[in-house]
Protein backbone atom coordinates (compact mmCIF):
# COMPACT_ATOMS: atom_id res chain seq x y z
CA MET A 1 131.31 -70.93 19.60
CA LYS A 2 132.14 -74.52 18.37
CA THR A 3 131.13 -75.55 15.14
CA THR A 4 128.26 -78.06 15.10
CA PRO A 5 125.25 -78.60 13.21
CA GLN A 6 123.21 -75.51 15.09
CA THR A 7 126.19 -73.48 14.02
CA ARG A 8 126.76 -73.91 10.74
CA PRO A 9 125.81 -70.75 8.45
CA GLN A 10 122.67 -72.72 7.08
CA THR A 11 121.46 -72.47 10.48
CA TRP A 12 121.95 -68.50 11.61
CA SER A 13 121.67 -67.27 7.93
CA VAL A 14 117.93 -68.55 8.07
CA LEU A 15 117.04 -66.67 11.47
CA PHE A 16 119.20 -63.98 10.32
CA ILE A 17 116.71 -63.63 7.37
CA LEU A 18 113.47 -64.56 9.71
CA ILE A 19 114.52 -61.57 12.52
CA LEU A 20 115.17 -59.46 8.86
CA ALA A 21 111.76 -60.38 7.69
CA LEU A 22 110.17 -59.76 11.25
CA GLY A 23 111.68 -56.30 11.58
CA GLY A 24 110.76 -55.09 8.04
CA LEU A 25 107.30 -56.37 8.99
CA LEU A 26 106.86 -54.31 12.13
CA ARG A 27 107.81 -51.51 10.15
CA LEU A 28 104.95 -51.73 7.69
CA LEU A 29 102.00 -51.68 9.96
CA ASP A 30 99.22 -49.36 10.08
CA LEU A 31 101.85 -48.29 6.84
CA THR A 32 98.93 -45.92 5.42
CA ASP A 33 97.99 -44.06 8.63
CA PRO A 34 98.87 -40.10 8.97
CA PRO A 35 102.57 -39.46 10.50
CA LEU A 36 100.74 -38.42 13.60
CA ASP A 37 102.20 -41.35 15.39
CA PHE A 38 105.44 -40.19 16.44
CA HIS A 39 107.18 -36.83 16.46
CA THR A 40 104.33 -35.00 14.44
CA SER A 41 105.52 -31.60 13.65
CA ARG A 42 109.44 -33.00 12.06
CA GLN A 43 107.46 -35.94 10.05
CA LEU A 44 104.67 -33.10 9.23
CA ARG A 45 107.64 -30.85 8.22
CA ASN A 46 108.52 -33.27 5.72
CA SER A 47 105.21 -34.13 3.95
CA ILE A 48 105.18 -30.31 3.42
CA VAL A 49 108.61 -30.02 1.59
CA ALA A 50 108.13 -33.72 0.01
CA ARG A 51 104.37 -32.18 -1.23
CA ASP A 52 106.15 -28.88 -2.60
CA ILE A 53 108.52 -31.28 -4.52
CA TYR A 54 106.34 -33.36 -6.13
CA TYR A 55 103.35 -30.67 -7.29
CA ASN A 56 106.10 -28.34 -8.80
CA ALA A 57 107.17 -31.76 -11.25
CA LEU A 58 103.50 -33.03 -11.43
CA PRO A 59 102.70 -31.67 -15.33
CA SER A 60 99.37 -31.72 -14.22
CA ALA A 61 98.97 -29.63 -10.73
CA THR A 62 97.63 -25.95 -11.23
CA ASP A 63 99.88 -22.79 -10.89
CA GLU A 64 97.60 -22.22 -7.58
CA GLN A 65 98.65 -25.60 -6.35
CA ARG A 66 102.21 -24.87 -6.68
CA GLN A 67 102.12 -21.78 -5.40
CA LEU A 68 100.44 -22.71 -2.16
CA ALA A 69 102.67 -25.93 -2.25
CA THR A 70 105.65 -23.26 -2.27
CA SER A 71 104.99 -21.62 0.11
CA PHE A 72 104.23 -23.90 2.40
CA ALA A 73 107.32 -25.86 2.10
CA ASN A 74 109.10 -22.04 2.55
CA SER A 75 108.13 -21.53 5.86
CA VAL A 76 108.97 -24.47 7.43
CA GLY A 77 112.45 -24.58 9.04
CA LYS A 78 115.35 -25.72 5.82
CA TYR A 79 118.04 -26.64 8.11
CA GLU A 80 118.97 -29.79 5.72
CA PRO A 81 119.23 -30.82 2.05
CA PRO A 82 115.52 -32.07 1.16
CA VAL A 83 117.41 -35.89 0.60
CA ILE A 84 114.73 -38.25 1.92
CA GLU A 85 111.69 -35.71 0.82
CA THR A 86 113.06 -35.96 -2.70
CA ILE A 87 113.13 -39.67 -2.95
CA VAL A 88 109.65 -39.67 -1.35
CA ALA A 89 108.25 -36.96 -3.84
CA TYR A 90 109.37 -38.35 -6.57
CA SER A 91 107.77 -41.99 -5.75
CA TYR A 92 105.04 -40.25 -5.36
CA PHE A 93 104.40 -41.04 -9.45
CA LEU A 94 104.33 -44.34 -8.39
CA THR A 95 101.58 -44.72 -6.32
CA GLY A 96 99.41 -41.76 -8.35
CA GLY A 97 99.53 -38.62 -5.66
CA GLU A 98 100.94 -38.35 -2.08
CA ASN A 99 101.06 -41.26 0.14
CA ILE A 100 102.73 -41.89 3.15
CA ALA A 101 102.90 -45.57 2.81
CA ILE A 102 105.98 -44.30 0.10
CA ALA A 103 107.70 -42.52 2.61
CA ARG A 104 108.02 -45.38 5.49
CA VAL A 105 108.41 -48.21 2.77
CA TRP A 106 111.93 -46.26 2.03
CA GLU A 107 112.84 -45.58 5.64
CA THR A 108 112.21 -49.41 6.57
CA PHE A 109 114.33 -50.52 3.91
CA PHE A 110 117.07 -48.14 4.65
CA TRP A 111 116.95 -49.40 8.29
CA LEU A 112 116.82 -53.21 7.11
CA ALA A 113 120.15 -52.36 4.56
CA ALA A 114 121.91 -50.92 7.66
CA GLY A 115 120.67 -53.96 9.57
CA VAL A 116 122.48 -56.62 6.87
CA ALA A 117 125.77 -54.40 7.51
CA LEU A 118 125.39 -54.53 11.28
CA PHE A 119 125.42 -57.92 11.35
CA ASP A 120 128.06 -58.50 9.47
CA LEU A 121 130.10 -55.98 11.22
CA MET A 122 128.92 -57.74 14.48
CA ARG A 123 129.40 -61.15 13.22
CA ARG A 124 133.25 -60.75 12.45
CA THR A 125 133.63 -59.25 16.34
CA THR A 126 131.43 -62.05 18.15
CA ASN A 127 129.76 -65.26 17.18
CA PRO A 128 126.37 -64.90 15.22
CA TRP A 129 124.27 -66.32 18.08
CA ALA A 130 125.58 -63.48 20.02
CA ALA A 131 125.45 -60.74 16.56
CA LEU A 132 121.34 -62.54 15.99
CA ILE A 133 120.55 -61.66 19.29
CA ALA A 134 121.79 -58.17 19.36
CA LEU A 135 120.28 -57.51 16.18
CA ALA A 136 117.12 -58.53 17.17
CA TYR A 137 117.54 -55.71 19.70
CA TYR A 138 117.92 -53.33 16.99
CA PHE A 139 115.24 -54.49 15.12
CA VAL A 140 112.37 -55.22 17.88
CA LEU A 141 113.39 -52.21 20.27
CA PRO A 142 109.92 -50.61 20.45
CA PHE A 143 111.39 -47.16 20.08
CA SER A 144 113.52 -48.59 16.84
CA VAL A 145 110.19 -49.81 14.84
CA GLU A 146 108.74 -46.19 15.62
CA VAL A 147 112.00 -43.60 14.61
CA SER A 148 112.98 -45.34 12.32
CA ARG A 149 110.28 -45.77 9.65
CA SER A 150 109.43 -41.92 10.71
CA PHE A 151 109.20 -39.56 8.13
CA GLN A 152 112.36 -37.58 8.44
CA PRO A 153 115.85 -37.17 7.36
CA ASP A 154 117.04 -39.40 10.91
CA PRO A 155 116.57 -42.93 9.68
CA LEU A 156 118.26 -42.64 6.16
CA MET A 157 121.12 -40.55 8.30
CA THR A 158 121.75 -43.09 10.63
CA SER A 159 121.41 -46.08 8.05
CA ALA A 160 123.71 -45.04 5.65
CA PHE A 161 126.02 -44.20 9.39
CA VAL A 162 125.93 -48.09 10.07
CA ILE A 163 126.84 -48.76 6.68
CA GLY A 164 129.87 -46.49 6.65
CA ILE A 165 130.91 -47.74 9.65
CA TYR A 166 130.94 -51.06 8.77
CA PHE A 167 132.61 -50.19 5.69
CA LEU A 168 135.45 -48.18 7.17
CA TYR A 169 135.98 -51.04 9.76
CA ARG A 170 136.71 -53.74 6.85
CA TRP A 171 138.96 -51.23 5.12
CA SER A 172 140.90 -51.23 8.66
CA GLU A 173 140.68 -55.12 9.13
CA ASP A 174 142.36 -55.68 5.57
CA ASN A 175 144.55 -52.66 5.47
CA SER A 176 148.24 -53.40 4.38
CA PRO A 177 151.29 -51.05 4.99
CA LEU A 178 150.56 -48.22 2.87
CA LEU A 179 153.54 -46.72 2.09
CA SER A 180 155.21 -50.05 0.90
CA GLY A 181 153.82 -50.28 -3.12
CA GLU A 182 150.65 -50.45 -4.86
CA GLY A 183 150.02 -54.23 -3.96
CA LEU A 184 147.29 -56.21 -3.84
CA GLY A 185 146.40 -55.20 -0.03
CA VAL A 186 146.16 -52.17 -1.11
CA ARG A 187 144.25 -51.83 -3.96
CA SER A 188 141.78 -53.78 -1.71
CA THR A 189 141.45 -51.10 0.62
CA TRP A 190 141.09 -48.24 -1.84
CA LYS A 191 137.68 -50.05 -1.83
CA TRP A 192 136.78 -49.80 1.47
CA ALA A 193 138.12 -46.90 1.73
CA ILE A 194 136.26 -44.82 -1.10
CA LEU A 195 133.07 -47.22 0.03
CA ALA A 196 133.34 -45.67 3.89
CA ALA A 197 133.62 -42.21 3.05
CA VAL A 198 130.94 -41.81 0.42
CA PHE A 199 128.48 -43.48 2.97
CA LEU A 200 129.99 -41.52 6.35
CA GLY A 201 129.86 -38.21 3.77
CA PHE A 202 126.37 -39.25 2.61
CA ALA A 203 125.18 -39.33 6.07
CA THR A 204 126.92 -36.50 7.12
CA PHE A 205 125.50 -34.68 4.57
CA VAL A 206 122.00 -35.90 5.35
CA LYS A 207 122.03 -33.99 8.52
CA ILE A 208 125.00 -33.17 10.19
CA VAL A 209 124.45 -33.89 13.60
CA ILE A 210 126.20 -37.39 12.68
CA ALA A 211 129.09 -35.79 12.18
CA PHE A 212 130.16 -35.84 15.99
CA PHE A 213 129.54 -40.05 15.29
CA VAL A 214 131.46 -39.81 12.73
CA GLY A 215 134.41 -37.58 13.14
CA ALA A 216 134.91 -39.36 16.08
CA ALA A 217 134.82 -43.28 14.44
CA ALA A 218 137.07 -42.22 11.43
CA ILE A 219 139.64 -40.30 13.85
CA SER A 220 139.88 -43.68 16.24
CA LEU A 221 140.06 -45.68 13.57
CA VAL A 222 143.02 -44.26 11.38
CA LEU A 223 144.87 -43.93 14.01
CA PHE A 224 144.67 -47.38 15.49
CA THR A 225 145.40 -48.41 11.76
CA LEU A 226 147.67 -46.08 10.41
CA GLY A 227 149.12 -44.97 14.11
CA LYS A 228 150.95 -41.59 13.97
CA ASP A 229 152.25 -41.44 10.31
CA PHE A 230 148.41 -41.77 9.10
CA TRP A 231 149.27 -38.12 7.44
CA LYS A 232 151.19 -39.85 4.99
CA SER A 233 148.20 -42.41 3.91
CA LYS A 234 146.65 -40.95 0.45
CA GLN A 235 143.67 -43.18 1.40
CA VAL A 236 142.90 -40.72 4.72
CA TRP A 237 142.94 -37.85 2.90
CA VAL A 238 140.87 -38.83 0.07
CA MET A 239 138.25 -40.08 2.73
CA ALA A 240 138.64 -36.78 4.57
CA ALA A 241 137.90 -35.00 1.73
CA ILE A 242 134.83 -37.20 0.70
CA MET A 243 133.38 -37.35 3.81
CA VAL A 244 133.51 -33.54 4.67
CA ILE A 245 133.04 -31.38 1.78
CA PRO A 246 129.60 -31.91 0.61
CA ALA A 247 128.57 -31.21 4.18
CA LEU A 248 130.88 -28.21 4.56
CA LEU A 249 129.48 -26.87 1.09
CA PHE A 250 126.07 -27.22 2.03
CA TYR A 251 126.18 -26.12 6.07
CA VAL A 252 128.03 -23.47 5.69
CA VAL A 253 129.16 -22.10 2.57
CA LEU A 254 125.55 -21.98 0.93
CA GLY A 255 123.61 -22.10 4.33
CA SER A 256 125.52 -20.28 6.93
CA GLY A 257 122.74 -18.30 7.56
CA ARG A 258 120.47 -20.95 8.52
CA SER A 259 123.22 -23.26 10.36
CA THR A 260 124.79 -20.14 12.39
CA GLU A 261 120.78 -19.33 13.21
CA TYR A 262 120.02 -22.81 14.56
CA PHE A 263 123.24 -23.01 16.01
CA PHE A 264 122.74 -20.14 18.55
CA ALA A 265 119.00 -20.68 19.01
CA TRP A 266 119.60 -24.55 20.18
CA THR A 267 123.28 -24.87 21.39
CA VAL A 268 124.29 -21.04 22.72
CA ALA A 269 120.91 -20.42 24.13
CA LEU A 270 120.83 -23.04 25.90
CA MET A 271 123.71 -23.74 26.44
CA LYS A 272 123.14 -22.78 30.64
CA LEU A 273 121.34 -26.24 30.83
CA ILE A 274 124.21 -28.43 31.29
CA THR A 275 126.02 -26.72 34.44
CA SER A 276 122.86 -28.25 36.02
CA THR A 277 122.84 -31.73 37.18
CA ASP A 278 119.44 -31.91 36.69
CA PHE A 279 120.25 -32.00 32.86
CA TYR A 280 122.27 -35.24 33.45
CA THR A 281 119.55 -36.56 35.54
CA LYS A 282 116.42 -35.73 32.91
CA TRP A 283 119.00 -36.85 29.90
CA LEU A 284 119.71 -40.29 31.74
CA ALA A 285 116.25 -41.06 32.85
CA PHE A 286 115.28 -39.96 28.99
CA LEU A 287 117.78 -42.53 27.42
CA GLY A 288 116.10 -45.22 30.29
CA THR A 289 112.71 -45.28 28.99
CA LEU A 290 113.95 -45.20 25.56
CA PHE A 291 116.64 -48.37 25.74
CA GLY A 292 116.32 -49.27 29.16
CA LEU A 293 119.15 -48.16 31.58
CA VAL A 294 120.54 -51.72 32.25
CA ILE A 295 120.96 -52.34 28.09
CA LEU A 296 122.29 -48.71 27.96
CA PHE A 297 125.32 -49.93 31.06
CA LEU A 298 125.85 -53.81 29.00
CA SER A 299 126.42 -52.01 25.77
CA ILE A 300 128.67 -49.51 27.34
CA ALA A 301 130.67 -52.39 29.22
CA GLY A 302 130.56 -54.06 26.07
CA ALA A 303 132.13 -51.35 24.64
CA LEU A 304 135.04 -51.49 27.14
CA ILE A 305 135.68 -55.31 27.19
CA ALA A 306 135.58 -55.31 23.36
CA PRO A 307 138.66 -56.64 21.14
CA THR A 308 140.95 -53.97 20.29
CA ARG A 309 139.95 -52.44 16.94
CA LEU A 310 136.05 -52.79 17.97
CA ARG A 311 137.13 -50.96 21.55
CA TRP A 312 138.37 -48.30 20.32
CA LEU A 313 135.96 -47.83 17.90
CA LEU A 314 132.72 -47.92 20.41
CA VAL A 315 134.97 -46.01 22.80
CA SER A 316 135.28 -43.37 19.88
CA LEU A 317 131.31 -43.56 19.29
CA TRP A 318 130.63 -42.97 22.97
CA ILE A 319 132.74 -39.76 23.15
CA GLY A 320 131.50 -38.47 20.15
CA TYR A 321 127.42 -39.16 21.71
CA LEU A 322 128.69 -37.68 24.90
CA LEU A 323 129.87 -34.39 23.07
CA TYR A 324 126.72 -34.60 20.63
CA GLY A 325 124.64 -34.20 23.67
CA LEU A 326 126.58 -31.27 25.62
CA THR A 327 125.93 -29.27 22.39
CA LEU A 328 122.20 -29.87 21.67
CA PRO A 329 121.38 -30.19 25.72
CA PHE A 330 117.88 -29.69 25.38
CA GLN A 331 117.01 -32.28 22.98
CA MET A 332 118.63 -34.56 24.98
CA TYR A 333 115.83 -35.00 27.32
CA THR A 334 113.28 -34.14 25.02
CA HIS A 335 113.73 -35.35 21.33
CA SER A 336 113.86 -39.39 21.20
CA TYR A 337 114.57 -38.88 17.67
CA TYR A 338 117.70 -37.61 18.38
CA HIS A 339 119.02 -40.68 19.98
CA ILE A 340 118.59 -43.06 17.19
CA GLN A 341 121.82 -43.18 16.54
CA LEU A 342 122.16 -45.13 19.41
CA ILE A 343 120.66 -47.67 18.64
CA PRO A 344 122.72 -49.83 16.18
CA ILE A 345 125.94 -48.55 18.97
CA LEU A 346 124.00 -50.21 21.43
CA ALA A 347 123.71 -53.29 19.70
CA LEU A 348 127.45 -53.50 18.60
CA GLY A 349 127.94 -53.27 22.88
CA LEU A 350 124.96 -55.92 23.04
CA ALA A 351 126.75 -58.30 21.39
CA VAL A 352 130.25 -57.83 22.88
CA VAL A 353 128.50 -58.52 25.97
CA LEU A 354 126.57 -61.55 24.57
CA HIS A 355 129.13 -63.45 23.06
CA PRO A 356 131.15 -65.12 26.39
CA LEU A 357 127.62 -65.99 27.58
CA THR A 358 126.28 -67.87 24.39
CA GLU A 359 129.22 -69.30 24.00
CA SER A 360 128.55 -70.68 27.51
CA VAL A 361 125.31 -72.13 26.30
CA ALA A 362 126.85 -73.73 23.54
CA ASP A 363 128.94 -75.97 25.87
CA MET A 364 125.87 -76.68 27.82
CA GLY A 365 123.40 -78.14 25.24
CA GLY A 366 120.23 -80.09 26.49
CA VAL A 367 117.36 -78.83 28.50
CA ARG A 368 119.63 -75.66 29.85
CA SER A 369 120.52 -74.19 26.34
CA ALA A 370 116.85 -75.05 25.06
CA GLY A 371 115.44 -73.14 28.19
CA PHE A 372 117.75 -70.07 27.16
CA ILE A 373 117.00 -69.90 23.42
CA ALA A 374 113.11 -70.11 24.95
CA LEU A 375 114.18 -67.40 26.81
CA VAL A 376 115.13 -65.16 24.16
CA LEU A 377 112.46 -65.88 21.77
CA ALA A 378 109.86 -64.51 24.50
CA VAL A 379 111.97 -61.82 24.72
CA ILE A 380 111.76 -60.75 21.19
CA GLY A 381 108.26 -62.14 21.03
CA PHE A 382 107.39 -59.72 23.61
CA GLN A 383 108.98 -56.74 22.48
CA SER A 384 107.63 -57.56 19.11
CA TYR A 385 104.27 -57.50 20.31
CA VAL A 386 104.72 -54.51 22.08
CA SER A 387 106.09 -52.94 19.47
CA ARG A 388 103.31 -53.82 17.33
CA SER A 389 101.24 -53.00 19.71
CA VAL A 390 102.17 -49.20 20.11
CA LEU A 391 101.11 -48.84 16.77
CA VAL A 392 98.61 -49.97 16.21
CA ALA A 393 97.27 -48.35 19.40
CA GLU A 394 95.65 -44.98 17.90
CA SER A 395 94.19 -44.45 14.45
CA PHE A 396 94.75 -41.03 13.07
CA ARG A 397 92.64 -41.86 9.60
CA HIS A 398 90.32 -38.98 11.14
CA GLU A 399 93.02 -36.50 11.18
CA PRO A 400 92.81 -35.05 7.80
CA GLU A 401 89.22 -34.58 6.79
CA PHE A 402 88.92 -32.60 10.14
CA TRP A 403 91.88 -30.28 9.23
CA SER A 404 90.16 -29.89 5.84
CA SER A 405 86.90 -28.69 7.77
CA VAL A 406 89.01 -26.33 9.53
CA GLY A 407 90.54 -24.99 6.26
CA GLU A 408 87.31 -24.49 4.23
CA ALA A 409 85.95 -21.91 7.79
CA ILE A 410 88.88 -20.27 7.02
CA PRO A 411 88.04 -17.38 3.87
CA ALA A 412 90.97 -17.95 1.25
CA ASP A 413 92.24 -14.31 1.46
CA ALA A 414 92.44 -13.98 5.29
CA LYS A 415 94.69 -13.03 7.69
CA VAL A 416 94.75 -15.55 10.23
CA ILE A 417 97.17 -16.00 13.88
CA ALA A 418 96.54 -19.63 15.59
CA LEU A 419 97.07 -21.51 18.85
CA THR A 420 97.51 -24.68 17.14
CA GLN A 421 99.69 -27.95 16.94
CA ASP A 422 102.74 -28.52 15.34
CA TYR A 423 103.59 -24.94 14.01
CA GLY A 424 100.64 -24.58 11.72
CA TYR A 425 101.67 -27.92 9.60
CA ARG A 426 98.67 -29.66 9.92
CA LEU A 427 96.66 -27.13 8.73
CA MET A 428 98.89 -26.26 5.90
CA LEU A 429 99.23 -29.85 5.22
CA TYR A 430 95.40 -31.24 4.75
CA GLY A 431 93.71 -27.94 4.90
CA TRP A 432 95.93 -26.22 2.33
CA ARG A 433 95.53 -22.65 5.22
CA LYS A 434 98.30 -21.02 6.46
CA VAL A 435 98.49 -19.09 9.48
CA ASP A 436 101.15 -16.90 11.92
CA LEU A 437 101.31 -18.43 15.41
CA TRP A 438 100.49 -17.45 18.73
CA PRO A 439 103.57 -18.26 21.44
CA LEU A 440 102.70 -21.61 22.64
CA ALA A 441 103.52 -22.00 26.65
CA THR A 442 106.27 -25.11 26.87
CA GLU A 443 109.08 -26.13 29.16
CA LEU A 444 111.14 -24.56 25.87
CA SER A 445 109.23 -21.42 25.82
CA ALA A 446 109.91 -20.86 30.09
CA THR A 447 113.55 -21.92 29.33
CA ARG A 448 114.44 -19.16 26.72
CA ASN A 449 111.37 -16.35 27.97
CA PRO A 450 110.67 -17.08 31.53
CA ASP A 451 109.40 -13.83 32.55
CA LYS A 452 107.29 -13.61 29.16
CA ASP A 453 103.89 -12.54 29.29
CA ASN A 454 102.07 -13.41 25.70
CA ALA A 455 98.62 -11.97 26.76
CA ALA A 456 100.05 -8.21 27.34
CA GLN A 457 101.25 -8.18 23.61
CA PHE A 458 97.89 -9.26 22.15
CA ASP A 459 97.62 -6.21 20.23
CA ASP A 460 100.64 -6.27 18.83
CA LEU A 461 100.81 -10.07 17.84
CA THR A 462 97.59 -9.75 16.50
CA ALA A 463 97.83 -6.16 14.38
CA ASP A 464 96.58 -6.69 10.69
CA LYS A 465 94.60 -10.39 11.59
CA ASP A 466 91.38 -11.01 11.40
CA TYR A 467 90.71 -13.79 12.96
CA PHE A 468 91.68 -16.07 15.53
CA LEU A 469 91.78 -19.53 15.49
CA VAL A 470 92.08 -22.16 18.58
CA THR A 471 92.55 -25.81 17.98
CA LEU A 472 94.76 -26.49 21.18
CA PHE A 473 92.26 -25.77 24.15
CA GLY A 474 94.85 -27.34 26.78
CA GLN A 475 97.06 -24.50 25.62
CA LEU A 476 94.50 -21.89 25.85
CA ASP A 477 94.04 -23.78 29.67
CA LYS A 478 97.68 -22.36 29.98
CA GLN A 479 97.40 -18.78 28.98
CA PRO A 480 94.12 -17.57 31.17
CA GLY A 481 94.99 -14.01 30.01
CA LEU A 482 94.91 -14.86 26.48
CA LYS A 483 91.52 -16.96 27.08
CA GLU A 484 89.93 -13.92 28.81
CA ILE A 485 90.69 -11.54 25.56
CA LEU A 486 89.13 -14.25 22.89
CA ALA A 487 86.17 -13.97 25.03
CA ALA A 488 85.18 -10.57 24.29
CA TYR A 489 85.72 -11.52 20.68
CA PRO A 490 82.65 -12.83 18.42
CA ILE A 491 82.81 -16.31 16.84
CA ALA A 492 83.10 -16.69 13.11
CA ALA A 493 82.92 -20.29 12.95
CA GLU A 494 82.94 -23.08 15.34
CA GLY A 495 83.32 -26.91 15.08
CA ASP A 496 84.35 -29.72 17.07
CA GLY A 497 87.45 -29.26 17.86
CA TYR A 498 88.06 -26.12 17.01
CA ILE A 499 86.97 -22.07 17.22
CA LEU A 500 87.90 -18.68 14.79
CA TYR A 501 87.43 -15.61 16.37
CA ASP A 502 86.25 -12.91 14.30
CA LEU A 503 89.27 -9.83 15.10
CA ARG A 504 87.46 -7.49 13.07
């Protein structure tokens, strides 16, 4: 794009700050609403783990509180190190207690930091205006706003990944021949190499699924930069060690049992899905609901026409995404947050496509250029309004009180089995009660055990239980056999939204 008064750094710098501020503002709306707005079970799970860390560090906590908090935390799945949970738990001391706002502020900060790195990467490969429009997509896409502020490891993982990719790209750009001595160029590339490795290694440590993307990006840029002699570079081996060792120690050496359990439960057991064309149809349709299929295909086109270095990076990331999807097939069309990594990748490809378009607009000037700018602003404004509307559409502020009342209705020493939401996490977090779970009738359960009849196993599943709690009445209607059995038992307690059956 030609250098004009409108394209001077101070002009687009102001717009960059405004987009950054807009992205932050959207994510901080409805800040203190309970974490039931997006993938509830995952956010509640993190809240329970953070509570355990907080109460064990809180001097005024009682032994009973610590024991309960620890027992709750031990009952949830622990597949990743509690990085974000620890950050949030110790931040509770700043607010005088548990506060979901703390988690949202931290996640938003991480996403904004990654946005800064992403913008500079796009600006280095396209013009600032294409980068600004693509950055707006990264910030105001409704799915991006929801997922990037949610209390789970994925926003932190993706943010660290984006920053790591940025440094890896800078390493590739600034790299001098590494075998010709320790000149200035070599010393400068060591800086980028270490920074890239630290952030990419940290991203993989936070959540191992990003390894598909990290590995693909690292391999492609190393090969592009150094060619077949890459193995002679000390920097490559140092980067590999930093990126691999922390995650290897946690997931393979220390947590081999958990990792094996997860692999067999979510990959091996569901691998049959990838043999059906229906799987790919559902996958693509699901991506369309999150990102828009037009944007998806435009971004892929951008990956194919990008400048050589960026093309190597983007194509490798798409290959990594495909392998990732084939490894975790069920999540590809059921769990939206498993696609959070695509948001910055789509923005990068989109910037490439927008580059020639914005160049053409700059040459037009006058009414046509103003019309294009007005259209861009209208789209950004509309998407921002949709994002805001999604966040404030429903309030969950009544939920803690409800689950507290359910917890009070259950005797402290009672053994309870429940047909309830989110693996019983709501009851743990707000009612301070832990229950065993009655199996749900879901697509996942039907996929794994299509012929299983839970009602026929009622006596076995409820052995030694004192009560049967029902808070999920839609699920009860899906299991008429169970509903008929429970109708024969007396009701110990009942309220608006729950029934406690006495099994004794």
